[in-house]
């Protein structure tokens, strides 16, 4: 995938220990998602974007597997110059999950190419808000200052879109009550660095799925 950096105003006043929000049950998370998503669709960008991202995951809004396939197809459509197709795919994902940053990226790029500048700017603002939410959560340099990623795809958006680095290796690590992805990356200058992502929400999502499966046995 070819990524173009978006303009994001990232201001980190202080960096604290990265941690997930208090985990809601699925129904509470869905209600929270609906409330926040409704505000965003009405033009309110001053919502708690991290809470929105977490609620989308824990509430299992939309269909994660289908969303992944659609954004993957959306990126492919962009590369092939099929901008209307890319926009349609991204729009379908956004309808189900407005917290999906990949969908906003695809929609933004498609709208720029279709010369629909006003609509493109709206998508850029939503994408910037989501990415700022991630980047403001830490600096990625250690477990204490890890970036909070609600999904694995958010990790890759940070690395590819914001940092423009290539993944060399990755492993998961638990420290206390928190879970992390520790990723070794290489920059365009050839220098390697280690990035830390808090993955508490993704771990909780997998635990919910596991518990549901076990109850059926």
N, C-alpha and C. Protein backbone atom coordinates (compact mmCIF):
# COMPACT_ATOMS: atom_id res chain seq x y z
N UNK A 1 0.84 -1.19 0.00
CA UNK A 1 0.00 0.00 0.00
C UNK A 1 0.88 1.25 0.00
N UNK A 2 0.45 2.26 -0.73
CA UNK A 2 1.17 3.52 -0.76
C UNK A 2 0.42 4.52 0.11
N UNK A 3 1.08 5.06 1.11
CA UNK A 3 0.44 5.99 2.02
C UNK A 3 0.98 7.39 1.81
N UNK A 4 0.10 8.38 1.98
CA UNK A 4 0.48 9.78 1.95
C UNK A 4 0.17 10.35 3.32
N UNK A 5 1.11 11.03 3.92
CA UNK A 5 0.89 11.53 5.27
C UNK A 5 -0.21 12.59 5.30
N UNK A 6 -1.03 12.52 6.31
CA UNK A 6 -2.04 13.54 6.52
C UNK A 6 -1.49 14.59 7.45
N UNK A 7 -2.06 15.76 7.43
CA UNK A 7 -1.63 16.83 8.34
C UNK A 7 -2.38 16.64 9.65
N UNK A 8 -1.66 16.34 10.71
CA UNK A 8 -2.27 16.12 12.01
C UNK A 8 -1.56 16.99 13.03
N UNK A 9 -2.33 17.80 13.74
CA UNK A 9 -1.75 18.62 14.80
C UNK A 9 -1.70 17.78 16.06
N UNK A 10 -0.51 17.30 16.40
CA UNK A 10 -0.35 16.44 17.56
C UNK A 10 0.33 17.22 18.68
N UNK A 11 -0.37 17.40 19.76
CA UNK A 11 0.17 18.12 20.92
C UNK A 11 0.09 17.19 22.12
N UNK A 12 1.22 16.83 22.65
CA UNK A 12 1.25 15.94 23.81
C UNK A 12 1.72 16.75 25.01
N UNK A 13 0.79 17.13 25.87
CA UNK A 13 1.14 17.94 27.02
C UNK A 13 1.92 17.13 28.04
N UNK A 14 1.50 15.89 28.22
CA UNK A 14 2.20 15.01 29.15
C UNK A 14 1.94 13.59 28.74
N UNK A 15 2.90 12.73 29.01
CA UNK A 15 2.78 11.32 28.66
C UNK A 15 2.71 10.51 29.93
N UNK A 16 1.68 9.71 30.06
CA UNK A 16 1.52 8.92 31.28
C UNK A 16 1.50 7.45 30.93
N UNK A 17 1.35 6.61 31.93
CA UNK A 17 1.30 5.18 31.70
C UNK A 17 0.12 4.86 30.79
N UNK A 18 0.40 4.14 29.70
CA UNK A 18 -0.66 3.81 28.76
C UNK A 18 -1.56 2.73 29.33
N UNK A 19 -2.86 2.96 29.24
CA UNK A 19 -3.79 1.96 29.73
C UNK A 19 -5.09 2.04 28.97
N UNK A 20 -5.82 0.95 28.94
CA UNK A 20 -7.10 0.93 28.25
C UNK A 20 -8.14 1.62 29.13
N UNK A 21 -9.21 2.08 28.48
CA UNK A 21 -10.32 2.60 29.25
C UNK A 21 -10.96 1.45 30.01
N UNK A 22 -11.69 1.80 31.06
CA UNK A 22 -12.40 0.76 31.79
C UNK A 22 -13.30 0.02 30.80
N UNK A 23 -13.18 -1.28 30.77
CA UNK A 23 -13.89 -2.06 29.77
C UNK A 23 -15.37 -2.17 30.08
N UNK A 24 -16.21 -1.78 29.12
CA UNK A 24 -17.65 -1.93 29.25
C UNK A 24 -18.05 -3.31 28.76
N UNK A 25 -19.26 -3.74 29.13
CA UNK A 25 -19.76 -4.95 28.49
C UNK A 25 -20.22 -4.57 27.08
N UNK A 26 -20.53 -5.54 26.28
CA UNK A 26 -20.81 -5.29 24.88
C UNK A 26 -21.99 -4.33 24.66
N UNK A 27 -23.07 -4.52 25.41
CA UNK A 27 -24.24 -3.68 25.22
C UNK A 27 -23.96 -2.22 25.60
N UNK A 28 -23.27 -2.03 26.72
CA UNK A 28 -22.92 -0.67 27.14
C UNK A 28 -22.00 -0.02 26.10
N UNK A 29 -21.05 -0.81 25.59
CA UNK A 29 -20.13 -0.29 24.58
C UNK A 29 -20.88 0.11 23.31
N UNK A 30 -21.85 -0.69 22.91
CA UNK A 30 -22.62 -0.35 21.70
C UNK A 30 -23.41 0.92 21.90
N UNK A 31 -24.00 1.08 23.08
CA UNK A 31 -24.75 2.30 23.37
C UNK A 31 -23.83 3.51 23.35
N UNK A 32 -22.65 3.36 23.93
CA UNK A 32 -21.67 4.45 23.95
C UNK A 32 -21.22 4.79 22.53
N UNK A 33 -20.98 3.74 21.73
CA UNK A 33 -20.58 3.97 20.33
C UNK A 33 -21.67 4.74 19.59
N UNK A 34 -22.91 4.31 19.72
CA UNK A 34 -24.02 4.96 19.02
C UNK A 34 -24.12 6.43 19.39
N UNK A 35 -23.97 6.73 20.66
CA UNK A 35 -24.04 8.12 21.13
C UNK A 35 -22.92 8.96 20.53
N UNK A 36 -21.69 8.45 20.60
CA UNK A 36 -20.55 9.20 20.09
C UNK A 36 -20.58 9.31 18.56
N UNK A 37 -20.94 8.21 17.89
CA UNK A 37 -21.00 8.22 16.43
C UNK A 37 -22.06 9.19 15.92
N UNK A 38 -23.17 9.26 16.62
CA UNK A 38 -24.24 10.20 16.24
C UNK A 38 -23.73 11.64 16.30
N UNK A 39 -22.96 11.95 17.33
CA UNK A 39 -22.41 13.30 17.47
C UNK A 39 -21.43 13.60 16.33
N UNK A 40 -20.58 12.62 16.00
CA UNK A 40 -19.60 12.82 14.93
C UNK A 40 -20.31 13.04 13.60
N UNK A 41 -21.33 12.24 13.32
CA UNK A 41 -22.06 12.38 12.07
C UNK A 41 -22.78 13.71 11.98
N UNK A 42 -23.07 14.29 13.13
CA UNK A 42 -23.74 15.60 13.16
C UNK A 42 -22.72 16.75 13.06
N UNK A 43 -21.45 16.40 12.97
CA UNK A 43 -20.41 17.42 12.81
C UNK A 43 -19.63 17.77 14.04
N UNK A 44 -19.85 17.07 15.15
CA UNK A 44 -19.14 17.35 16.39
C UNK A 44 -17.82 16.57 16.42
N UNK A 45 -16.72 17.28 16.31
CA UNK A 45 -15.41 16.63 16.33
C UNK A 45 -14.77 16.68 17.72
N UNK A 46 -15.47 17.26 18.69
CA UNK A 46 -14.93 17.38 20.04
C UNK A 46 -15.39 16.24 20.95
N UNK A 47 -15.45 15.06 20.39
CA UNK A 47 -15.83 13.89 21.18
C UNK A 47 -14.58 13.22 21.71
N UNK A 48 -14.77 12.25 22.59
CA UNK A 48 -13.66 11.44 23.09
C UNK A 48 -13.40 10.36 22.04
N UNK A 49 -12.42 10.60 21.18
CA UNK A 49 -12.17 9.69 20.05
C UNK A 49 -11.63 8.35 20.51
N UNK A 50 -10.87 8.34 21.59
CA UNK A 50 -10.37 7.06 22.10
C UNK A 50 -11.54 6.23 22.61
N UNK A 51 -12.47 6.86 23.31
CA UNK A 51 -13.65 6.15 23.80
C UNK A 51 -14.46 5.60 22.63
N UNK A 52 -14.56 6.37 21.56
CA UNK A 52 -15.28 5.91 20.36
C UNK A 52 -14.60 4.70 19.75
N UNK A 53 -13.28 4.75 19.64
CA UNK A 53 -12.53 3.64 19.05
C UNK A 53 -12.68 2.37 19.89
N UNK A 54 -12.59 2.52 21.21
CA UNK A 54 -12.72 1.36 22.10
C UNK A 54 -14.13 0.80 22.04
N UNK A 55 -15.13 1.68 22.08
CA UNK A 55 -16.52 1.23 22.04
C UNK A 55 -16.83 0.47 20.76
N UNK A 56 -16.25 0.89 19.66
CA UNK A 56 -16.47 0.20 18.38
C UNK A 56 -15.94 -1.22 18.43
N UNK A 57 -14.79 -1.40 19.10
CA UNK A 57 -14.18 -2.74 19.20
C UNK A 57 -14.94 -3.63 20.18
N UNK A 58 -15.13 -3.15 21.40
CA UNK A 58 -15.78 -3.95 22.43
C UNK A 58 -17.25 -4.17 22.10
N UNK A 59 -17.88 -3.18 21.49
CA UNK A 59 -19.28 -3.31 21.09
C UNK A 59 -19.47 -4.14 19.84
N UNK A 60 -18.34 -4.48 19.19
CA UNK A 60 -18.35 -5.29 17.97
C UNK A 60 -19.33 -4.70 16.94
N UNK A 61 -19.21 -3.39 16.72
CA UNK A 61 -20.06 -2.76 15.72
C UNK A 61 -19.58 -3.19 14.33
N UNK A 62 -20.53 -3.35 13.42
CA UNK A 62 -20.16 -3.79 12.09
C UNK A 62 -19.66 -5.22 12.10
N UNK A 63 -18.86 -5.53 11.10
CA UNK A 63 -18.28 -6.86 10.95
C UNK A 63 -16.79 -6.69 10.68
N UNK A 64 -15.95 -7.00 11.67
CA UNK A 64 -14.51 -6.74 11.58
C UNK A 64 -13.88 -7.40 10.36
N UNK A 65 -14.23 -8.65 10.08
CA UNK A 65 -13.64 -9.36 8.95
C UNK A 65 -14.07 -8.73 7.63
N UNK A 66 -15.33 -8.37 7.53
CA UNK A 66 -15.85 -7.75 6.32
C UNK A 66 -15.25 -6.36 6.12
N UNK A 67 -15.11 -5.62 7.19
CA UNK A 67 -14.50 -4.29 7.12
C UNK A 67 -13.07 -4.40 6.59
N UNK A 68 -12.33 -5.36 7.12
CA UNK A 68 -10.94 -5.54 6.69
C UNK A 68 -10.87 -5.82 5.19
N UNK A 69 -11.72 -6.71 4.71
CA UNK A 69 -11.72 -7.04 3.29
C UNK A 69 -12.12 -5.85 2.43
N UNK A 70 -13.08 -5.05 2.91
CA UNK A 70 -13.54 -3.90 2.14
C UNK A 70 -12.48 -2.80 2.07
N UNK A 71 -11.79 -2.54 3.19
CA UNK A 71 -10.76 -1.51 3.12
C UNK A 71 -9.58 -2.01 2.29
N UNK A 72 -9.30 -3.30 2.36
CA UNK A 72 -8.24 -3.87 1.52
C UNK A 72 -8.59 -3.68 0.05
N UNK A 73 -9.85 -3.96 -0.29
CA UNK A 73 -10.30 -3.76 -1.67
C UNK A 73 -10.30 -2.28 -2.03
N UNK A 74 -10.60 -1.44 -1.04
CA UNK A 74 -10.59 0.01 -1.27
C UNK A 74 -9.20 0.51 -1.62
N UNK A 75 -8.20 0.04 -0.90
CA UNK A 75 -6.82 0.42 -1.21
C UNK A 75 -6.44 -0.05 -2.61
N UNK A 76 -6.85 -1.27 -2.95
CA UNK A 76 -6.55 -1.80 -4.28
C UNK A 76 -7.22 -0.95 -5.36
N UNK A 77 -8.46 -0.54 -5.11
CA UNK A 77 -9.17 0.30 -6.07
C UNK A 77 -8.46 1.64 -6.25
N UNK A 78 -7.93 2.20 -5.17
CA UNK A 78 -7.16 3.45 -5.28
C UNK A 78 -5.97 3.27 -6.19
N UNK A 79 -5.24 2.19 -5.99
CA UNK A 79 -4.04 1.92 -6.79
C UNK A 79 -4.39 1.73 -8.26
N UNK A 80 -5.59 1.21 -8.52
CA UNK A 80 -6.02 0.95 -9.90
C UNK A 80 -6.71 2.16 -10.53
N UNK A 81 -6.84 3.23 -9.77
CA UNK A 81 -7.49 4.42 -10.29
C UNK A 81 -9.00 4.32 -10.33
N UNK A 82 -9.56 3.36 -9.62
CA UNK A 82 -11.01 3.18 -9.59
C UNK A 82 -11.55 3.92 -8.36
N UNK A 83 -11.57 5.24 -8.45
CA UNK A 83 -11.85 6.07 -7.28
C UNK A 83 -13.31 6.00 -6.82
N UNK A 84 -14.24 5.89 -7.74
CA UNK A 84 -15.64 5.74 -7.35
C UNK A 84 -15.85 4.44 -6.59
N UNK A 85 -15.20 3.37 -7.07
CA UNK A 85 -15.31 2.08 -6.38
C UNK A 85 -14.70 2.17 -4.99
N UNK A 86 -13.55 2.83 -4.89
CA UNK A 86 -12.88 2.97 -3.60
C UNK A 86 -13.77 3.75 -2.62
N UNK A 87 -14.38 4.81 -3.13
CA UNK A 87 -15.25 5.63 -2.28
C UNK A 87 -16.46 4.85 -1.80
N UNK A 88 -17.03 4.05 -2.67
CA UNK A 88 -18.19 3.24 -2.29
C UNK A 88 -17.83 2.22 -1.22
N UNK A 89 -16.69 1.57 -1.38
CA UNK A 89 -16.24 0.59 -0.39
C UNK A 89 -15.99 1.25 0.96
N UNK A 90 -15.31 2.39 0.94
CA UNK A 90 -15.01 3.10 2.18
C UNK A 90 -16.29 3.59 2.85
N UNK A 91 -17.21 4.09 2.05
CA UNK A 91 -18.47 4.59 2.60
C UNK A 91 -19.26 3.49 3.29
N UNK A 92 -19.23 2.30 2.72
CA UNK A 92 -19.94 1.17 3.33
C UNK A 92 -19.38 0.83 4.70
N UNK A 93 -18.06 0.89 4.81
CA UNK A 93 -17.41 0.61 6.10
C UNK A 93 -17.76 1.71 7.11
N UNK A 94 -17.70 2.95 6.67
CA UNK A 94 -17.99 4.07 7.57
C UNK A 94 -19.42 4.02 8.10
N UNK A 95 -20.33 3.57 7.29
CA UNK A 95 -21.72 3.45 7.74
C UNK A 95 -21.83 2.51 8.93
N UNK A 96 -21.04 1.46 8.91
CA UNK A 96 -21.07 0.47 9.98
C UNK A 96 -20.19 0.87 11.16
N UNK A 97 -19.05 1.49 10.86
CA UNK A 97 -18.08 1.81 11.92
C UNK A 97 -17.34 3.09 11.57
N UNK A 98 -17.81 4.20 12.10
CA UNK A 98 -17.21 5.50 11.78
C UNK A 98 -15.84 5.67 12.43
N UNK A 99 -15.45 4.75 13.29
CA UNK A 99 -14.14 4.81 13.94
C UNK A 99 -13.06 4.12 13.13
N UNK A 100 -13.38 3.61 11.94
CA UNK A 100 -12.42 2.90 11.11
C UNK A 100 -11.57 3.91 10.33
N UNK A 101 -10.35 4.13 10.79
CA UNK A 101 -9.48 5.13 10.17
C UNK A 101 -9.09 4.76 8.75
N UNK A 102 -8.90 3.48 8.47
CA UNK A 102 -8.58 3.04 7.11
C UNK A 102 -9.64 3.52 6.12
N UNK A 103 -10.90 3.38 6.49
CA UNK A 103 -12.00 3.76 5.61
C UNK A 103 -11.96 5.26 5.33
N UNK A 104 -11.65 6.05 6.35
CA UNK A 104 -11.58 7.50 6.15
C UNK A 104 -10.40 7.86 5.23
N UNK A 105 -9.30 7.14 5.37
CA UNK A 105 -8.15 7.39 4.49
C UNK A 105 -8.52 7.10 3.04
N UNK A 106 -9.13 5.94 2.80
CA UNK A 106 -9.51 5.56 1.44
C UNK A 106 -10.50 6.58 0.87
N UNK A 107 -11.48 6.96 1.67
CA UNK A 107 -12.48 7.92 1.21
C UNK A 107 -11.84 9.27 0.89
N UNK A 108 -10.96 9.72 1.76
CA UNK A 108 -10.26 11.00 1.55
C UNK A 108 -9.48 10.99 0.24
N UNK A 109 -8.67 9.95 0.05
CA UNK A 109 -7.85 9.87 -1.16
C UNK A 109 -8.73 9.80 -2.41
N UNK A 110 -9.81 9.05 -2.36
CA UNK A 110 -10.71 8.93 -3.51
C UNK A 110 -11.36 10.27 -3.83
N UNK A 111 -11.80 10.98 -2.81
CA UNK A 111 -12.46 12.27 -3.00
C UNK A 111 -11.50 13.31 -3.56
N UNK A 112 -10.25 13.28 -3.12
CA UNK A 112 -9.24 14.19 -3.66
C UNK A 112 -9.07 13.93 -5.15
N UNK A 113 -8.96 12.66 -5.52
CA UNK A 113 -8.78 12.30 -6.92
C UNK A 113 -10.01 12.64 -7.76
N UNK A 114 -11.18 12.60 -7.14
CA UNK A 114 -12.42 12.93 -7.85
C UNK A 114 -12.69 14.44 -7.84
N UNK A 115 -11.75 15.20 -7.27
CA UNK A 115 -11.84 16.66 -7.21
C UNK A 115 -13.07 17.14 -6.44
N UNK A 116 -13.43 16.38 -5.42
CA UNK A 116 -14.52 16.79 -4.53
C UNK A 116 -13.88 17.31 -3.25
N UNK A 117 -13.32 18.50 -3.34
CA UNK A 117 -12.46 19.02 -2.29
C UNK A 117 -13.16 19.24 -0.96
N UNK A 118 -14.39 19.74 -1.00
CA UNK A 118 -15.11 19.99 0.26
C UNK A 118 -15.36 18.69 1.02
N UNK A 119 -15.80 17.68 0.29
CA UNK A 119 -16.05 16.37 0.91
C UNK A 119 -14.74 15.74 1.37
N UNK A 120 -13.68 15.94 0.58
CA UNK A 120 -12.37 15.39 0.94
C UNK A 120 -11.88 16.01 2.25
N UNK A 121 -12.12 17.31 2.43
CA UNK A 121 -11.67 17.97 3.65
C UNK A 121 -12.41 17.43 4.87
N UNK A 122 -13.68 17.11 4.72
CA UNK A 122 -14.44 16.53 5.84
C UNK A 122 -13.84 15.19 6.25
N UNK A 123 -13.48 14.37 5.26
CA UNK A 123 -12.87 13.07 5.55
C UNK A 123 -11.49 13.24 6.17
N UNK A 124 -10.74 14.23 5.68
CA UNK A 124 -9.41 14.47 6.24
C UNK A 124 -9.51 14.87 7.70
N UNK A 125 -10.50 15.68 8.04
CA UNK A 125 -10.66 16.12 9.43
C UNK A 125 -11.01 14.94 10.34
N UNK A 126 -11.85 14.04 9.87
CA UNK A 126 -12.20 12.86 10.66
C UNK A 126 -10.99 11.95 10.84
N UNK A 127 -10.25 11.77 9.75
CA UNK A 127 -9.05 10.94 9.81
C UNK A 127 -8.02 11.56 10.74
N UNK A 128 -7.84 12.87 10.65
CA UNK A 128 -6.88 13.55 11.51
C UNK A 128 -7.26 13.42 12.98
N UNK A 129 -8.56 13.50 13.27
CA UNK A 129 -9.02 13.37 14.66
C UNK A 129 -8.71 11.98 15.20
N UNK A 130 -8.94 10.97 14.40
CA UNK A 130 -8.67 9.60 14.82
C UNK A 130 -7.18 9.37 15.04
N UNK A 131 -6.36 9.84 14.09
CA UNK A 131 -4.92 9.62 14.21
C UNK A 131 -4.32 10.44 15.35
N UNK A 132 -4.84 11.66 15.57
CA UNK A 132 -4.37 12.46 16.68
C UNK A 132 -4.69 11.78 18.01
N UNK A 133 -5.85 11.14 18.06
CA UNK A 133 -6.24 10.40 19.27
C UNK A 133 -5.21 9.34 19.61
N UNK A 134 -4.70 8.68 18.60
CA UNK A 134 -3.69 7.64 18.82
C UNK A 134 -2.35 8.27 19.20
N UNK A 135 -1.91 9.25 18.41
CA UNK A 135 -0.59 9.83 18.61
C UNK A 135 -0.49 10.58 19.94
N UNK A 136 -1.59 11.13 20.41
CA UNK A 136 -1.57 11.86 21.68
C UNK A 136 -1.55 10.94 22.90
N UNK A 137 -1.73 9.65 22.68
CA UNK A 137 -1.81 8.72 23.81
C UNK A 137 -0.44 8.33 24.37
N UNK A 138 0.62 8.71 23.71
CA UNK A 138 1.97 8.39 24.18
C UNK A 138 3.00 8.80 23.16
N UNK A 139 4.21 8.22 23.25
CA UNK A 139 5.23 8.49 22.25
C UNK A 139 5.80 7.21 21.65
N UNK A 140 5.29 6.06 22.11
CA UNK A 140 5.69 4.78 21.52
C UNK A 140 7.09 4.32 21.86
N UNK A 141 7.73 4.97 22.84
CA UNK A 141 9.12 4.64 23.12
C UNK A 141 9.32 3.58 24.20
N UNK A 142 8.26 3.32 24.98
CA UNK A 142 8.39 2.35 26.07
C UNK A 142 7.01 1.84 26.46
N UNK A 143 6.98 0.87 27.36
CA UNK A 143 5.70 0.36 27.84
C UNK A 143 4.92 1.47 28.55
N UNK A 144 5.62 2.29 29.32
CA UNK A 144 4.94 3.35 30.07
C UNK A 144 4.36 4.43 29.17
N UNK A 145 4.94 4.59 27.99
CA UNK A 145 4.48 5.65 27.08
C UNK A 145 4.03 5.08 25.74
N UNK A 146 3.54 3.85 25.77
CA UNK A 146 3.11 3.18 24.54
C UNK A 146 1.92 3.90 23.91
N UNK A 147 1.85 3.86 22.60
CA UNK A 147 0.66 4.37 21.92
C UNK A 147 -0.50 3.41 22.17
N UNK A 148 -1.67 3.95 22.42
CA UNK A 148 -2.85 3.13 22.65
C UNK A 148 -3.51 2.82 21.32
N UNK A 149 -3.50 1.55 20.91
CA UNK A 149 -4.10 1.12 19.65
C UNK A 149 -5.28 0.20 19.94
N UNK A 150 -6.46 0.59 19.50
CA UNK A 150 -7.64 -0.24 19.75
C UNK A 150 -7.65 -1.48 18.88
N UNK A 151 -6.98 -1.44 17.74
CA UNK A 151 -6.91 -2.59 16.83
C UNK A 151 -5.50 -2.70 16.26
N UNK A 152 -5.20 -3.85 15.70
CA UNK A 152 -3.90 -4.05 15.05
C UNK A 152 -3.78 -3.15 13.84
N UNK A 153 -4.90 -2.95 13.13
CA UNK A 153 -4.85 -2.08 11.95
C UNK A 153 -4.45 -0.65 12.31
N UNK A 154 -4.84 -0.20 13.50
CA UNK A 154 -4.41 1.13 13.93
C UNK A 154 -2.90 1.20 14.09
N UNK A 155 -2.29 0.13 14.57
CA UNK A 155 -0.84 0.10 14.70
C UNK A 155 -0.18 0.32 13.35
N UNK A 156 -0.68 -0.38 12.34
CA UNK A 156 -0.07 -0.28 11.01
C UNK A 156 -0.32 1.07 10.37
N UNK A 157 -1.44 1.70 10.68
CA UNK A 157 -1.69 3.04 10.18
C UNK A 157 -0.66 4.02 10.74
N UNK A 158 -0.37 3.89 12.03
CA UNK A 158 0.64 4.75 12.64
C UNK A 158 1.99 4.52 11.97
N UNK A 159 2.38 3.27 11.82
CA UNK A 159 3.71 2.97 11.27
C UNK A 159 3.84 3.34 9.81
N UNK A 160 2.81 3.10 9.02
CA UNK A 160 2.91 3.34 7.59
C UNK A 160 2.52 4.77 7.20
N UNK A 161 1.48 5.29 7.82
CA UNK A 161 0.99 6.60 7.44
C UNK A 161 1.72 7.73 8.15
N UNK A 162 1.90 7.59 9.45
CA UNK A 162 2.47 8.68 10.24
C UNK A 162 4.00 8.63 10.31
N UNK A 163 4.57 7.42 10.41
CA UNK A 163 6.01 7.29 10.62
C UNK A 163 6.78 6.88 9.37
N UNK A 164 6.09 6.27 8.42
CA UNK A 164 6.74 5.82 7.17
C UNK A 164 7.92 4.90 7.46
N UNK A 165 7.66 3.86 8.26
CA UNK A 165 8.70 2.90 8.61
C UNK A 165 8.27 1.49 8.17
N UNK A 166 9.23 0.61 8.06
CA UNK A 166 8.98 -0.77 7.68
C UNK A 166 9.15 -1.69 8.88
N UNK A 167 8.22 -2.62 9.04
CA UNK A 167 8.26 -3.55 10.16
C UNK A 167 9.34 -4.61 9.92
N UNK A 168 10.19 -4.81 10.92
CA UNK A 168 11.24 -5.83 10.85
C UNK A 168 10.85 -7.08 11.65
N UNK A 169 10.27 -6.85 12.82
CA UNK A 169 9.83 -7.96 13.66
C UNK A 169 8.81 -7.45 14.66
N UNK A 170 8.06 -8.38 15.25
CA UNK A 170 7.03 -7.99 16.21
C UNK A 170 6.81 -9.11 17.20
N UNK A 171 6.59 -8.76 18.46
CA UNK A 171 6.20 -9.76 19.44
C UNK A 171 5.29 -9.12 20.47
N UNK A 172 4.47 -9.96 21.12
CA UNK A 172 3.56 -9.48 22.15
C UNK A 172 4.19 -9.67 23.52
N UNK A 173 3.84 -8.79 24.43
CA UNK A 173 4.44 -8.84 25.77
C UNK A 173 3.42 -8.35 26.80
N UNK A 174 3.37 -9.06 27.91
CA UNK A 174 2.51 -8.64 29.01
C UNK A 174 3.37 -8.08 30.11
N UNK A 175 2.98 -6.91 30.61
CA UNK A 175 3.67 -6.29 31.74
C UNK A 175 2.60 -5.88 32.74
N UNK A 176 2.59 -6.55 33.88
CA UNK A 176 1.55 -6.29 34.87
C UNK A 176 0.20 -6.67 34.30
N UNK A 177 -0.74 -5.75 34.33
CA UNK A 177 -2.09 -6.02 33.82
C UNK A 177 -2.27 -5.53 32.39
N UNK A 178 -1.19 -5.16 31.74
CA UNK A 178 -1.32 -4.59 30.39
C UNK A 178 -0.63 -5.45 29.34
N UNK A 179 -1.11 -5.31 28.11
CA UNK A 179 -0.61 -6.10 26.99
C UNK A 179 -0.07 -5.15 25.91
N UNK A 180 1.03 -5.56 25.31
CA UNK A 180 1.70 -4.69 24.35
C UNK A 180 2.14 -5.46 23.11
N UNK A 181 2.19 -4.75 21.99
CA UNK A 181 2.90 -5.20 20.81
C UNK A 181 4.19 -4.41 20.77
N UNK A 182 5.31 -5.12 20.70
CA UNK A 182 6.62 -4.49 20.63
C UNK A 182 7.14 -4.72 19.22
N UNK A 183 7.33 -3.65 18.47
CA UNK A 183 7.62 -3.76 17.05
C UNK A 183 8.96 -3.12 16.72
N UNK A 184 9.82 -3.90 16.08
CA UNK A 184 11.09 -3.38 15.60
C UNK A 184 10.87 -2.89 14.18
N UNK A 185 11.24 -1.62 13.92
CA UNK A 185 11.00 -1.04 12.59
C UNK A 185 12.28 -0.39 12.07
N UNK A 186 12.28 -0.16 10.75
CA UNK A 186 13.40 0.52 10.11
C UNK A 186 12.87 1.73 9.35
N UNK A 187 13.51 2.88 9.57
CA UNK A 187 13.09 4.10 8.90
C UNK A 187 13.70 4.23 7.52
N UNK A 188 13.31 5.28 6.81
CA UNK A 188 13.82 5.51 5.46
C UNK A 188 15.32 5.78 5.47
N UNK A 189 15.85 6.22 6.61
CA UNK A 189 17.29 6.47 6.73
C UNK A 189 18.07 5.22 7.10
N UNK A 190 17.36 4.09 7.23
CA UNK A 190 18.02 2.83 7.55
C UNK A 190 18.17 2.57 9.03
N UNK A 191 17.84 3.53 9.87
CA UNK A 191 17.98 3.35 11.31
C UNK A 191 16.81 2.55 11.86
N UNK A 192 17.13 1.67 12.81
CA UNK A 192 16.09 0.86 13.43
C UNK A 192 15.69 1.46 14.78
N UNK A 193 14.44 1.21 15.15
CA UNK A 193 13.93 1.67 16.45
C UNK A 193 12.86 0.70 16.92
N UNK A 194 12.55 0.75 18.18
CA UNK A 194 11.53 -0.12 18.75
C UNK A 194 10.31 0.72 19.12
N UNK A 195 9.14 0.26 18.68
CA UNK A 195 7.89 0.96 18.97
C UNK A 195 7.03 0.10 19.89
N UNK A 196 6.35 0.76 20.82
CA UNK A 196 5.47 0.08 21.76
C UNK A 196 4.03 0.52 21.54
N UNK A 197 3.12 -0.47 21.47
CA UNK A 197 1.70 -0.21 21.34
C UNK A 197 0.95 -0.95 22.45
N UNK A 198 0.12 -0.22 23.18
CA UNK A 198 -0.75 -0.86 24.17
C UNK A 198 -1.88 -1.55 23.43
N UNK A 199 -2.08 -2.84 23.69
CA UNK A 199 -3.11 -3.61 22.98
C UNK A 199 -4.15 -4.20 23.93
N UNK A 200 -4.40 -3.52 25.03
CA UNK A 200 -5.38 -4.01 26.01
C UNK A 200 -6.75 -4.26 25.37
N UNK A 201 -7.19 -3.33 24.53
CA UNK A 201 -8.53 -3.45 23.94
C UNK A 201 -8.60 -4.65 23.00
N UNK A 202 -7.58 -4.84 22.19
CA UNK A 202 -7.59 -5.98 21.28
C UNK A 202 -7.55 -7.29 22.06
N UNK A 203 -6.78 -7.32 23.15
CA UNK A 203 -6.75 -8.52 24.00
C UNK A 203 -8.12 -8.78 24.60
N UNK A 204 -8.78 -7.72 25.06
CA UNK A 204 -10.11 -7.87 25.64
C UNK A 204 -11.10 -8.38 24.59
N UNK A 205 -10.97 -7.89 23.36
CA UNK A 205 -11.85 -8.36 22.28
C UNK A 205 -11.67 -9.86 22.06
N UNK A 206 -10.41 -10.31 22.04
CA UNK A 206 -10.15 -11.73 21.84
C UNK A 206 -10.67 -12.55 23.01
N UNK A 207 -10.60 -12.00 24.22
CA UNK A 207 -11.10 -12.70 25.40
C UNK A 207 -12.61 -12.86 25.33
N UNK A 208 -13.30 -11.83 24.86
CA UNK A 208 -14.75 -11.88 24.70
C UNK A 208 -15.14 -12.96 23.71
N UNK A 209 -14.42 -13.02 22.60
CA UNK A 209 -14.69 -14.03 21.58
C UNK A 209 -14.43 -15.43 22.13
N UNK A 210 -13.33 -15.57 22.87
CA UNK A 210 -12.99 -16.87 23.45
C UNK A 210 -14.06 -17.31 24.46
N UNK A 211 -14.49 -16.39 25.32
CA UNK A 211 -15.51 -16.73 26.32
C UNK A 211 -16.81 -17.13 25.65
N UNK A 212 -17.17 -16.43 24.58
CA UNK A 212 -18.39 -16.75 23.86
C UNK A 212 -18.31 -18.15 23.25
N UNK A 213 -17.15 -18.49 22.70
CA UNK A 213 -16.96 -19.79 22.09
C UNK A 213 -17.04 -20.90 23.15
N UNK A 214 -16.41 -20.65 24.30
CA UNK A 214 -16.40 -21.66 25.35
C UNK A 214 -17.79 -21.92 25.91
N UNK A 215 -18.62 -20.91 25.94
CA UNK A 215 -19.99 -21.07 26.44
C UNK A 215 -20.84 -21.96 25.53
N UNK A 216 -20.45 -22.01 24.26
CA UNK A 216 -21.19 -22.81 23.29
C UNK A 216 -20.80 -24.30 23.37
N UNK A 217 -19.66 -24.56 24.02
CA UNK A 217 -19.16 -25.94 24.07
C UNK A 217 -19.90 -26.74 25.15
